[in-house]
């Protein structure tokens, strides 16, 4: 049998294990309800093409962009992606009115 000698700098050593903890710069915050509502409305607008829901969705997207905390989050692009989705949903809801077709859009 061989004797296993562990060194102090061996990363596999069980004596060097520490409990998992988030870095001090990351705060555990609850999710932004308006940003979640904007993302939900953006997806709903893409499916239903309801142009009346597009405007509140854009307002929620701008609100999430203004209220983001980039220094407190691991990835700070959440506000931009939410606002982009809301603007694209607004564009998708009004786009059929600018396309020339033979049949009128009801």
PDB file of N, CA and C in Angstrom:
ATOM      1  N   UNK A   1       0.830  -1.167   0.000  1.00  0.00           N
ATOM      2  CA  UNK A   1       0.000   0.000   0.000  1.00  0.00           C
ATOM      3  C   UNK A   1       0.879   1.235   0.000  1.00  0.00           C
ATOM      4  N   UNK A   2       0.399   2.210  -0.672  1.00  0.00           N
ATOM      5  CA  UNK A   2       1.166   3.442  -0.711  1.00  0.00           C
ATOM      6  C   UNK A   2       0.497   4.481   0.185  1.00  0.00           C
ATOM      7  N   UNK A   3       1.304   5.297   0.754  1.00  0.00           N
ATOM      8  CA  UNK A   3       0.823   6.355   1.623  1.00  0.00           C
ATOM      9  C   UNK A   3       0.675   7.619   0.790  1.00  0.00           C
ATOM     10  N   UNK A   4      -0.500   8.267   0.915  1.00  0.00           N
ATOM     11  CA  UNK A   4      -0.759   9.477   0.143  1.00  0.00           C
ATOM     12  C   UNK A   4      -0.364  10.680   0.988  1.00  0.00           C
ATOM     13  N   UNK A   5       0.526  11.470   0.459  1.00  0.00           N
ATOM     14  CA  UNK A   5       0.950  12.689   1.142  1.00  0.00           C
ATOM     15  C   UNK A   5       0.300  13.867   0.416  1.00  0.00           C
ATOM     16  N   UNK A   6      -0.391  14.689   1.172  1.00  0.00           N
ATOM     17  CA  UNK A   6      -1.000  15.871   0.573  1.00  0.00           C
ATOM     18  C   UNK A   6      -0.161  17.098   0.908  1.00  0.00           C
ATOM     19  N   UNK A   7      -0.043  17.949  -0.090  1.00  0.00           N
ATOM     20  CA  UNK A   7       0.701  19.173   0.104  1.00  0.00           C
ATOM     21  C   UNK A   7      -0.281  20.301   0.388  1.00  0.00           C
ATOM     22  N   UNK A   8       0.219  21.380   0.925  1.00  0.00           N
ATOM     23  CA  UNK A   8      -0.625  22.525   1.274  1.00  0.00           C
ATOM     24  C   UNK A   8      -1.163  23.245   0.028  1.00  0.00           C
ATOM     25  N   UNK A   9      -0.457  23.170  -1.090  1.00  0.00           N
ATOM     26  CA  UNK A   9      -0.901  23.862  -2.291  1.00  0.00           C
ATOM     27  C   UNK A   9      -1.606  22.932  -3.282  1.00  0.00           C
ATOM     28  N   UNK A  10      -1.948  21.740  -2.869  1.00  0.00           N
ATOM     29  CA  UNK A  10      -2.649  20.801  -3.735  1.00  0.00           C
ATOM     30  C   UNK A  10      -4.138  21.158  -3.753  1.00  0.00           C
ATOM     31  N   UNK A  11      -4.705  21.525  -4.908  1.00  0.00           N
ATOM     32  CA  UNK A  11      -6.106  21.936  -4.945  1.00  0.00           C
ATOM     33  C   UNK A  11      -7.081  20.798  -4.681  1.00  0.00           C
ATOM     34  N   UNK A  12      -6.624  19.550  -4.744  1.00  0.00           N
ATOM     35  CA  UNK A  12      -7.502  18.414  -4.487  1.00  0.00           C
ATOM     36  C   UNK A  12      -7.582  18.058  -3.013  1.00  0.00           C
ATOM     37  N   UNK A  13      -6.842  18.723  -2.180  1.00  0.00           N
ATOM     38  CA  UNK A  13      -6.809  18.412  -0.761  1.00  0.00           C
ATOM     39  C   UNK A  13      -8.144  18.761  -0.101  1.00  0.00           C
ATOM     40  N   UNK A  14      -8.695  17.823   0.653  1.00  0.00           N
ATOM     41  CA  UNK A  14      -9.977  18.044   1.321  1.00  0.00           C
ATOM     42  C   UNK A  14      -9.850  19.051   2.457  1.00  0.00           C
ATOM     43  N   UNK A  15      -8.666  19.255   2.956  1.00  0.00           N
ATOM     44  CA  UNK A  15      -8.499  20.207   4.055  1.00  0.00           C
ATOM     45  C   UNK A  15      -8.599  21.661   3.585  1.00  0.00           C
ATOM     46  N   UNK A  16      -8.506  21.897   2.292  1.00  0.00           N
ATOM     47  CA  UNK A  16      -8.592  23.256   1.744  1.00  0.00           C
ATOM     48  C   UNK A  16     -10.003  23.635   1.316  1.00  0.00           C
ATOM     49  N   UNK A  17     -10.984  22.769   1.525  1.00  0.00           N
ATOM     50  CA  UNK A  17     -12.349  23.066   1.115  1.00  0.00           C
ATOM     51  C   UNK A  17     -12.950  24.181   1.978  1.00  0.00           C
ATOM     52  N   UNK A  18     -13.706  25.057   1.300  1.00  0.00           N
ATOM     53  CA  UNK A  18     -14.404  26.152   1.974  1.00  0.00           C
ATOM     54  C   UNK A  18     -15.841  26.175   1.485  1.00  0.00           C
ATOM     55  N   UNK A  19     -16.755  26.630   2.307  1.00  0.00           N
ATOM     56  CA  UNK A  19     -18.148  26.703   1.848  1.00  0.00           C
ATOM     57  C   UNK A  19     -18.316  27.759   0.763  1.00  0.00           C
ATOM     58  N   UNK A  20     -19.274  27.517  -0.129  1.00  0.00           N
ATOM     59  CA  UNK A  20     -19.531  28.445  -1.231  1.00  0.00           C
ATOM     60  C   UNK A  20     -20.180  29.716  -0.703  1.00  0.00           C
ATOM     61  N   UNK A  21     -19.680  30.851  -1.148  1.00  0.00           N
ATOM     62  CA  UNK A  21     -20.256  32.143  -0.776  1.00  0.00           C
ATOM     63  C   UNK A  21     -20.124  33.088  -1.971  1.00  0.00           C
ATOM     64  N   UNK A  22     -21.165  33.909  -2.174  1.00  0.00           N
ATOM     65  CA  UNK A  22     -21.107  34.892  -3.250  1.00  0.00           C
ATOM     66  C   UNK A  22     -20.106  35.990  -2.905  1.00  0.00           C
ATOM     67  N   UNK A  23     -19.494  36.603  -3.903  1.00  0.00           N
ATOM     68  CA  UNK A  23     -18.594  37.723  -3.626  1.00  0.00           C
ATOM     69  C   UNK A  23     -19.350  38.869  -2.960  1.00  0.00           C
ATOM     70  N   UNK A  24     -18.653  39.693  -2.244  1.00  0.00           N
ATOM     71  CA  UNK A  24     -19.287  40.787  -1.509  1.00  0.00           C
ATOM     72  C   UNK A  24     -19.869  41.847  -2.417  1.00  0.00           C
ATOM     73  N   UNK A  25     -19.397  41.945  -3.658  1.00  0.00           N
ATOM     74  CA  UNK A  25     -19.906  42.975  -4.554  1.00  0.00           C
ATOM     75  C   UNK A  25     -21.244  42.593  -5.173  1.00  0.00           C
ATOM     76  N   UNK A  26     -21.681  41.349  -5.071  1.00  0.00           N
ATOM     77  CA  UNK A  26     -22.955  40.918  -5.630  1.00  0.00           C
ATOM     78  C   UNK A  26     -23.993  40.901  -4.525  1.00  0.00           C
ATOM     79  N   UNK A  27     -25.021  41.675  -4.682  1.00  0.00           N
ATOM     80  CA  UNK A  27     -26.102  41.706  -3.713  1.00  0.00           C
ATOM     81  C   UNK A  27     -27.230  40.809  -4.203  1.00  0.00           C
ATOM     82  N   UNK A  28     -27.840  40.125  -3.289  1.00  0.00           N
ATOM     83  CA  UNK A  28     -28.987  39.307  -3.643  1.00  0.00           C
ATOM     84  C   UNK A  28     -30.226  40.191  -3.635  1.00  0.00           C
ATOM     85  N   UNK A  29     -30.675  40.584  -4.817  1.00  0.00           N
ATOM     86  CA  UNK A  29     -31.834  41.435  -4.936  1.00  0.00           C
ATOM     87  C   UNK A  29     -32.986  40.636  -5.516  1.00  0.00           C
ATOM     88  N   UNK A  30     -34.179  41.049  -5.216  1.00  0.00           N
ATOM     89  CA  UNK A  30     -35.329  40.418  -5.828  1.00  0.00           C
ATOM     90  C   UNK A  30     -35.443  40.914  -7.262  1.00  0.00           C
ATOM     91  N   UNK A  31     -36.141  40.159  -8.076  1.00  0.00           N
ATOM     92  CA  UNK A  31     -36.304  40.549  -9.455  1.00  0.00           C
ATOM     93  C   UNK A  31     -37.187  41.774  -9.605  1.00  0.00           C
ATOM     94  N   UNK A  32     -36.958  42.536 -10.643  1.00  0.00           N
ATOM     95  CA  UNK A  32     -37.749  43.730 -10.910  1.00  0.00           C
ATOM     96  C   UNK A  32     -39.059  43.302 -11.551  1.00  0.00           C
ATOM     97  N   UNK A  33     -40.154  43.590 -10.897  1.00  0.00           N
ATOM     98  CA  UNK A  33     -41.462  43.161 -11.388  1.00  0.00           C
ATOM     99  C   UNK A  33     -41.861  43.830 -12.683  1.00  0.00           C
ATOM    100  N   UNK A  34     -41.526  45.104 -12.850  1.00  0.00           N
ATOM    101  CA  UNK A  34     -41.883  45.796 -14.083  1.00  0.00           C
ATOM    102  C   UNK A  34     -41.065  45.289 -15.269  1.00  0.00           C
ATOM    103  N   UNK A  35     -39.815  44.933 -15.039  1.00  0.00           N
ATOM    104  CA  UNK A  35     -39.005  44.382 -16.124  1.00  0.00           C
ATOM    105  C   UNK A  35     -39.548  43.026 -16.560  1.00  0.00           C
ATOM    106  N   UNK A  36     -39.965  42.232 -15.599  1.00  0.00           N
ATOM    107  CA  UNK A  36     -40.558  40.941 -15.931  1.00  0.00           C
ATOM    108  C   UNK A  36     -41.865  41.131 -16.683  1.00  0.00           C
ATOM    109  N   UNK A  37     -42.664  42.106 -16.279  1.00  0.00           N
ATOM    110  CA  UNK A  37     -43.916  42.394 -16.979  1.00  0.00           C
ATOM    111  C   UNK A  37     -43.645  42.871 -18.405  1.00  0.00           C
ATOM    112  N   UNK A  38     -42.608  43.687 -18.573  1.00  0.00           N
ATOM    113  CA  UNK A  38     -42.253  44.147 -19.915  1.00  0.00           C
ATOM    114  C   UNK A  38     -41.816  43.015 -20.818  1.00  0.00           C
ATOM    115  N   UNK A  39     -41.039  42.082 -20.290  1.00  0.00           N
ATOM    116  CA  UNK A  39     -40.622  40.925 -21.093  1.00  0.00           C
ATOM    117  C   UNK A  39     -41.829  40.060 -21.447  1.00  0.00           C
ATOM    118  N   UNK A  40     -42.729  39.850 -20.480  1.00  0.00           N
ATOM    119  CA  UNK A  40     -43.926  39.050 -20.744  1.00  0.00           C
ATOM    120  C   UNK A  40     -44.800  39.724 -21.788  1.00  0.00           C
ATOM    121  N   UNK A  41     -45.029  41.036 -21.646  1.00  0.00           N
ATOM    122  CA  UNK A  41     -45.835  41.748 -22.631  1.00  0.00           C
ATOM    123  C   UNK A  41     -45.168  41.764 -24.000  1.00  0.00           C
ATOM    124  N   UNK A  42     -43.839  41.877 -24.033  1.00  0.00           N
ATOM    125  CA  UNK A  42     -43.130  41.840 -25.311  1.00  0.00           C
ATOM    126  C   UNK A  42     -43.342  40.524 -26.038  1.00  0.00           C
ATOM    127  N   UNK A  43     -43.268  39.417 -25.310  1.00  0.00           N
ATOM    128  CA  UNK A  43     -43.530  38.116 -25.924  1.00  0.00           C
ATOM    129  C   UNK A  43     -44.980  37.960 -26.332  1.00  0.00           C
ATOM    130  N   UNK A  44     -45.898  38.469 -25.520  1.00  0.00           N
ATOM    131  CA  UNK A  44     -47.325  38.395 -25.829  1.00  0.00           C
ATOM    132  C   UNK A  44     -47.655  39.223 -27.069  1.00  0.00           C
ATOM    133  N   UNK A  45     -47.018  40.359 -27.217  1.00  0.00           N
ATOM    134  CA  UNK A  45     -47.247  41.212 -28.386  1.00  0.00           C
ATOM    135  C   UNK A  45     -46.730  40.537 -29.646  1.00  0.00           C
ATOM    136  N   UNK A  46     -45.595  39.862 -29.553  1.00  0.00           N
ATOM    137  CA  UNK A  46     -45.053  39.162 -30.723  1.00  0.00           C
ATOM    138  C   UNK A  46     -46.010  38.071 -31.198  1.00  0.00           C
ATOM    139  N   UNK A  47     -46.712  37.437 -30.270  1.00  0.00           N
ATOM    140  CA  UNK A  47     -47.617  36.350 -30.636  1.00  0.00           C
ATOM    141  C   UNK A  47     -48.962  36.886 -31.110  1.00  0.00           C
ATOM    142  N   UNK A  48     -49.526  37.860 -30.396  1.00  0.00           N
ATOM    143  CA  UNK A  48     -50.876  38.321 -30.698  1.00  0.00           C
ATOM    144  C   UNK A  48     -50.934  39.531 -31.617  1.00  0.00           C
ATOM    145  N   UNK A  49     -49.850  40.250 -31.800  1.00  0.00           N
ATOM    146  CA  UNK A  49     -49.784  41.474 -32.605  1.00  0.00           C
ATOM    147  C   UNK A  49     -50.752  42.543 -32.088  1.00  0.00           C
ATOM    148  N   UNK A  50     -50.949  42.584 -30.785  1.00  0.00           N
ATOM    149  CA  UNK A  50     -51.825  43.569 -30.166  1.00  0.00           C
ATOM    150  C   UNK A  50     -51.035  44.864 -29.978  1.00  0.00           C
ATOM    151  N   UNK A  51     -51.344  45.857 -30.782  1.00  0.00           N
ATOM    152  CA  UNK A  51     -50.553  47.092 -30.767  1.00  0.00           C
ATOM    153  C   UNK A  51     -50.838  47.958 -29.554  1.00  0.00           C
ATOM    154  N   UNK A  52     -51.966  47.733 -28.866  1.00  0.00           N
ATOM    155  CA  UNK A  52     -52.294  48.541 -27.694  1.00  0.00           C
ATOM    156  C   UNK A  52     -51.466  48.139 -26.479  1.00  0.00           C
ATOM    157  N   UNK A  53     -50.990  46.910 -26.437  1.00  0.00           N
ATOM    158  CA  UNK A  53     -50.114  46.482 -25.341  1.00  0.00           C
ATOM    159  C   UNK A  53     -48.659  46.854 -25.585  1.00  0.00           C
ATOM    160  N   UNK A  54     -48.341  47.284 -26.803  1.00  0.00           N
ATOM    161  CA  UNK A  54     -46.944  47.574 -27.133  1.00  0.00           C
ATOM    162  C   UNK A  54     -46.432  48.815 -26.420  1.00  0.00           C
ATOM    163  N   UNK A  55     -47.254  49.810 -26.255  1.00  0.00           N
ATOM    164  CA  UNK A  55     -46.793  51.054 -25.630  1.00  0.00           C
ATOM    165  C   UNK A  55     -46.477  50.890 -24.157  1.00  0.00           C
ATOM    166  N   UNK A  56     -47.340  50.236 -23.341  1.00  0.00           N
ATOM    167  CA  UNK A  56     -46.927  49.997 -21.946  1.00  0.00           C
ATOM    168  C   UNK A  56     -45.692  49.110 -21.846  1.00  0.00           C
ATOM    169  N   UNK A  57     -45.541  48.198 -22.789  1.00  0.00           N
ATOM    170  CA  UNK A  57     -44.356  47.348 -22.790  1.00  0.00           C
ATOM    171  C   UNK A  57     -43.089  48.169 -22.997  1.00  0.00           C
ATOM    172  N   UNK A  58     -43.130  49.148 -23.892  1.00  0.00           N
ATOM    173  CA  UNK A  58     -41.975  50.019 -24.125  1.00  0.00           C
ATOM    174  C   UNK A  58     -41.688  50.858 -22.877  1.00  0.00           C
ATOM    175  N   UNK A  59     -42.735  51.333 -22.213  1.00  0.00           N
ATOM    176  CA  UNK A  59     -42.536  52.099 -20.973  1.00  0.00           C
ATOM    177  C   UNK A  59     -41.881  51.220 -19.910  1.00  0.00           C
ATOM    178  N   UNK A  60     -42.330  49.959 -19.777  1.00  0.00           N
ATOM    179  CA  UNK A  60     -41.711  49.037 -18.819  1.00  0.00           C
ATOM    180  C   UNK A  60     -40.260  48.750 -19.188  1.00  0.00           C
ATOM    181  N   UNK A  61     -39.969  48.654 -20.500  1.00  0.00           N
ATOM    182  CA  UNK A  61     -38.594  48.419 -20.935  1.00  0.00           C
ATOM    183  C   UNK A  61     -37.680  49.590 -20.614  1.00  0.00           C
ATOM    184  N   UNK A  62     -38.157  50.794 -20.840  1.00  0.00           N
ATOM    185  CA  UNK A  62     -37.358  51.983 -20.507  1.00  0.00           C
ATOM    186  C   UNK A  62     -37.159  52.083 -18.998  1.00  0.00           C
ATOM    187  N   UNK A  63     -38.194  51.731 -18.249  1.00  0.00           N
ATOM    188  CA  UNK A  63     -38.092  51.742 -16.791  1.00  0.00           C
ATOM    189  C   UNK A  63     -37.036  50.742 -16.307  1.00  0.00           C
ATOM    190  N   UNK A  64     -36.994  49.569 -16.901  1.00  0.00           N
ATOM    191  CA  UNK A  64     -35.981  48.590 -16.485  1.00  0.00           C
ATOM    192  C   UNK A  64     -34.581  49.033 -16.884  1.00  0.00           C
ATOM    193  N   UNK A  65     -34.473  49.761 -17.994  1.00  0.00           N
ATOM    194  CA  UNK A  65     -33.165  50.289 -18.405  1.00  0.00           C
ATOM    195  C   UNK A  65     -32.681  51.362 -17.444  1.00  0.00           C
ATOM    196  N   UNK A  66     -33.586  52.222 -17.003  1.00  0.00           N
ATOM    197  CA  UNK A  66     -33.213  53.290 -16.085  1.00  0.00           C
ATOM    198  C   UNK A  66     -32.873  52.741 -14.700  1.00  0.00           C
ATOM    199  N   UNK A  67     -33.606  51.729 -14.249  1.00  0.00           N
ATOM    200  CA  UNK A  67     -33.454  51.226 -12.888  1.00  0.00           C
ATOM    201  C   UNK A  67     -32.459  50.083 -12.738  1.00  0.00           C
ATOM    202  N   UNK A  68     -31.671  49.793 -13.751  1.00  0.00           N
ATOM    203  CA  UNK A  68     -30.701  48.703 -13.606  1.00  0.00           C
ATOM    204  C   UNK A  68     -29.524  49.137 -12.735  1.00  0.00           C
ATOM    205  N   UNK A  69     -28.901  48.180 -12.085  1.00  0.00           N
ATOM    206  CA  UNK A  69     -27.734  48.419 -11.235  1.00  0.00           C
ATOM    207  C   UNK A  69     -26.561  47.616 -11.793  1.00  0.00           C
ATOM    208  N   UNK A  70     -25.801  48.175 -12.724  1.00  0.00           N
ATOM    209  CA  UNK A  70     -24.748  47.380 -13.363  1.00  0.00           C
ATOM    210  C   UNK A  70     -23.629  46.956 -12.414  1.00  0.00           C
ATOM    211  N   UNK A  71     -23.389  47.705 -11.359  1.00  0.00           N
ATOM    212  CA  UNK A  71     -22.322  47.324 -10.442  1.00  0.00           C
ATOM    213  C   UNK A  71     -22.768  46.243  -9.468  1.00  0.00           C
ATOM    214  N   UNK A  72     -24.061  46.010  -9.365  1.00  0.00           N
ATOM    215  CA  UNK A  72     -24.570  45.010  -8.435  1.00  0.00           C
ATOM    216  C   UNK A  72     -24.933  43.704  -9.113  1.00  0.00           C
ATOM    217  N   UNK A  73     -24.849  43.632 -10.419  1.00  0.00           N
ATOM    218  CA  UNK A  73     -25.256  42.444 -11.141  1.00  0.00           C
ATOM    219  C   UNK A  73     -24.057  41.804 -11.815  1.00  0.00           C
ATOM    220  N   UNK A  74     -24.175  40.495 -12.017  1.00  0.00           N
ATOM    221  CA  UNK A  74     -23.114  39.781 -12.718  1.00  0.00           C
ATOM    222  C   UNK A  74     -23.092  40.165 -14.189  1.00  0.00           C
ATOM    223  N   UNK A  75     -24.262  40.262 -14.794  1.00  0.00           N
ATOM    224  CA  UNK A  75     -24.369  40.661 -16.188  1.00  0.00           C
ATOM    225  C   UNK A  75     -25.274  41.884 -16.240  1.00  0.00           C
ATOM    226  N   UNK A  76     -24.770  42.977 -16.742  1.00  0.00           N
ATOM    227  CA  UNK A  76     -25.521  44.228 -16.677  1.00  0.00           C
ATOM    228  C   UNK A  76     -26.282  44.535 -17.955  1.00  0.00           C
ATOM    229  N   UNK A  77     -26.432  43.595 -18.871  1.00  0.00           N
ATOM    230  CA  UNK A  77     -27.125  43.860 -20.127  1.00  0.00           C
ATOM    231  C   UNK A  77     -28.610  43.563 -20.055  1.00  0.00           C
ATOM    232  N   UNK A  78     -29.155  43.267 -18.883  1.00  0.00           N
ATOM    233  CA  UNK A  78     -30.559  42.884 -18.765  1.00  0.00           C
ATOM    234  C   UNK A  78     -31.486  44.025 -19.162  1.00  0.00           C
ATOM    235  N   UNK A  79     -31.178  45.244 -18.818  1.00  0.00           N
ATOM    236  CA  UNK A  79     -32.025  46.380 -19.177  1.00  0.00           C
ATOM    237  C   UNK A  79     -32.056  46.630 -20.668  1.00  0.00           C
ATOM    238  N   UNK A  80     -30.925  46.467 -21.328  1.00  0.00           N
ATOM    239  CA  UNK A  80     -30.866  46.691 -22.774  1.00  0.00           C
ATOM    240  C   UNK A  80     -31.622  45.614 -23.538  1.00  0.00           C
ATOM    241  N   UNK A  81     -31.495  44.373 -23.122  1.00  0.00           N
ATOM    242  CA  UNK A  81     -32.200  43.306 -23.838  1.00  0.00           C
ATOM    243  C   UNK A  81     -33.703  43.429 -23.652  1.00  0.00           C
ATOM    244  N   UNK A  82     -34.135  43.818 -22.463  1.00  0.00           N
ATOM    245  CA  UNK A  82     -35.565  44.005 -22.219  1.00  0.00           C
ATOM    246  C   UNK A  82     -36.104  45.154 -23.055  1.00  0.00           C
ATOM    247  N   UNK A  83     -35.404  46.276 -23.091  1.00  0.00           N
ATOM    248  CA  UNK A  83     -35.842  47.424 -23.884  1.00  0.00           C
ATOM    249  C   UNK A  83     -35.829  47.090 -25.374  1.00  0.00           C
ATOM    250  N   UNK A  84     -34.823  46.369 -25.811  1.00  0.00           N
ATOM    251  CA  UNK A  84     -34.765  45.966 -27.221  1.00  0.00           C
ATOM    252  C   UNK A  84     -35.924  45.071 -27.618  1.00  0.00           C
ATOM    253  N   UNK A  85     -36.264  44.117 -26.764  1.00  0.00           N
ATOM    254  CA  UNK A  85     -37.399  43.243 -27.050  1.00  0.00           C
ATOM    255  C   UNK A  85     -38.694  44.042 -27.109  1.00  0.00           C
ATOM    256  N   UNK A  86     -38.874  44.986 -26.216  1.00  0.00           N
ATOM    257  CA  UNK A  86     -40.099  45.792 -26.208  1.00  0.00           C
ATOM    258  C   UNK A  86     -40.202  46.674 -27.445  1.00  0.00           C
ATOM    259  N   UNK A  87     -39.091  47.225 -27.899  1.00  0.00           N
ATOM    260  CA  UNK A  87     -39.108  48.065 -29.101  1.00  0.00           C
ATOM    261  C   UNK A  87     -39.354  47.223 -30.346  1.00  0.00           C
ATOM    262  N   UNK A  88     -38.761  46.042 -30.405  1.00  0.00           N
ATOM    263  CA  UNK A  88     -39.007  45.147 -31.540  1.00  0.00           C
ATOM    264  C   UNK A  88     -40.455  44.675 -31.549  1.00  0.00           C
ATOM    265  N   UNK A  89     -41.032  44.435 -30.376  1.00  0.00           N
ATOM    266  CA  UNK A  89     -42.441  44.058 -30.305  1.00  0.00           C
ATOM    267  C   UNK A  89     -43.330  45.202 -30.787  1.00  0.00           C
ATOM    268  N   UNK A  90     -42.972  46.438 -30.449  1.00  0.00           N
ATOM    269  CA  UNK A  90     -43.714  47.597 -30.943  1.00  0.00           C
ATOM    270  C   UNK A  90     -43.619  47.673 -32.467  1.00  0.00           C
ATOM    271  N   UNK A  91     -42.436  47.469 -32.994  1.00  0.00           N
ATOM    272  CA  UNK A  91     -42.249  47.480 -34.444  1.00  0.00           C
ATOM    273  C   UNK A  91     -43.046  46.358 -35.104  1.00  0.00           C
ATOM    274  N   UNK A  92     -43.024  45.167 -34.506  1.00  0.00           N
ATOM    275  CA  UNK A  92     -43.739  44.023 -35.090  1.00  0.00           C
ATOM    276  C   UNK A  92     -45.247  44.216 -35.059  1.00  0.00           C
ATOM    277  N   UNK A  93     -45.742  44.946 -34.085  1.00  0.00           N
ATOM    278  CA  UNK A  93     -47.190  45.152 -34.018  1.00  0.00           C
ATOM    279  C   UNK A  93     -47.667  46.183 -35.045  1.00  0.00           C
ATOM    280  N   UNK A  94     -46.838  47.150 -35.406  1.00  0.00           N
ATOM    281  CA  UNK A  94     -47.227  48.177 -36.373  1.00  0.00           C
ATOM    282  C   UNK A  94     -46.715  47.894 -37.788  1.00  0.00           C
ATOM    283  N   UNK A  95     -45.847  46.941 -37.963  1.00  0.00           N
ATOM    284  CA  UNK A  95     -45.255  46.659 -39.281  1.00  0.00           C
ATOM    285  C   UNK A  95     -46.296  46.281 -40.340  1.00  0.00           C
ATOM    286  N   UNK A  96     -47.331  45.483 -40.027  1.00  0.00           N
ATOM    287  CA  UNK A  96     -48.303  45.142 -41.071  1.00  0.00           C
ATOM    288  C   UNK A  96     -49.041  46.334 -41.661  1.00  0.00           C
ATOM    289  N   UNK A  97     -49.105  47.453 -40.978  1.00  0.00           N
ATOM    290  CA  UNK A  97     -49.791  48.625 -41.496  1.00  0.00           C
ATOM    291  C   UNK A  97     -48.969  49.360 -42.546  1.00  0.00           C
ATOM    292  N   UNK A  98     -47.691  49.101 -42.615  1.00  0.00           N
ATOM    293  CA  UNK A  98     -46.828  49.770 -43.587  1.00  0.00           C
ATOM    294  C   UNK A  98     -46.504  48.901 -44.793  1.00  0.00           C
ATOM    295  N   UNK A  99     -46.977  47.679 -44.782  1.00  0.00           N
ATOM    296  CA  UNK A  99     -46.756  46.774 -45.908  1.00  0.00           C
ATOM    297  C   UNK A  99     -47.941  46.887 -46.850  1.00  0.00           C
ATOM    298  N   UNK A 100     -47.680  47.058 -48.132  1.00  0.00           N
ATOM    299  CA  UNK A 100     -48.739  47.202 -49.121  1.00  0.00           C
ATOM    300  C   UNK A 100     -49.256  45.806 -49.493  1.00  0.00           C
ATOM    301  N   UNK A 101     -50.541  45.599 -49.282  1.00  0.00           N
ATOM    302  CA  UNK A 101     -51.167  44.317 -49.637  1.00  0.00           C
ATOM    303  C   UNK A 101     -52.410  44.581 -50.451  1.00  0.00           C
ATOM    304  N   UNK A 102     -52.913  43.549 -51.131  1.00  0.00           N
ATOM    305  CA  UNK A 102     -54.136  43.666 -51.915  1.00  0.00           C
ATOM    306  C   UNK A 102     -55.365  43.651 -51.010  1.00  0.00           C
ATOM    307  N   UNK A 103     -55.285  42.893 -49.920  1.00  0.00           N
ATOM    308  CA  UNK A 103     -56.424  42.801 -49.014  1.00  0.00           C
ATOM    309  C   UNK A 103     -56.225  43.779 -47.867  1.00  0.00           C
ATOM    310  N   UNK A 104     -57.266  44.499 -47.450  1.00  0.00           N
ATOM    311  CA  UNK A 104     -57.096  45.415 -46.324  1.00  0.00           C
ATOM    312  C   UNK A 104     -56.931  44.651 -45.013  1.00  0.00           C
ATOM    313  N   UNK A 105     -56.131  45.220 -44.104  1.00  0.00           N
ATOM    314  CA  UNK A 105     -55.887  44.618 -42.806  1.00  0.00           C
ATOM    315  C   UNK A 105     -56.996  45.067 -41.862  1.00  0.00           C
ATOM    316  N   UNK A 106     -57.587  44.103 -41.215  1.00  0.00           N
ATOM    317  CA  UNK A 106     -58.691  44.407 -40.297  1.00  0.00           C
ATOM    318  C   UNK A 106     -58.186  44.544 -38.893  1.00  0.00           C
TER     319      UNK A 106
END
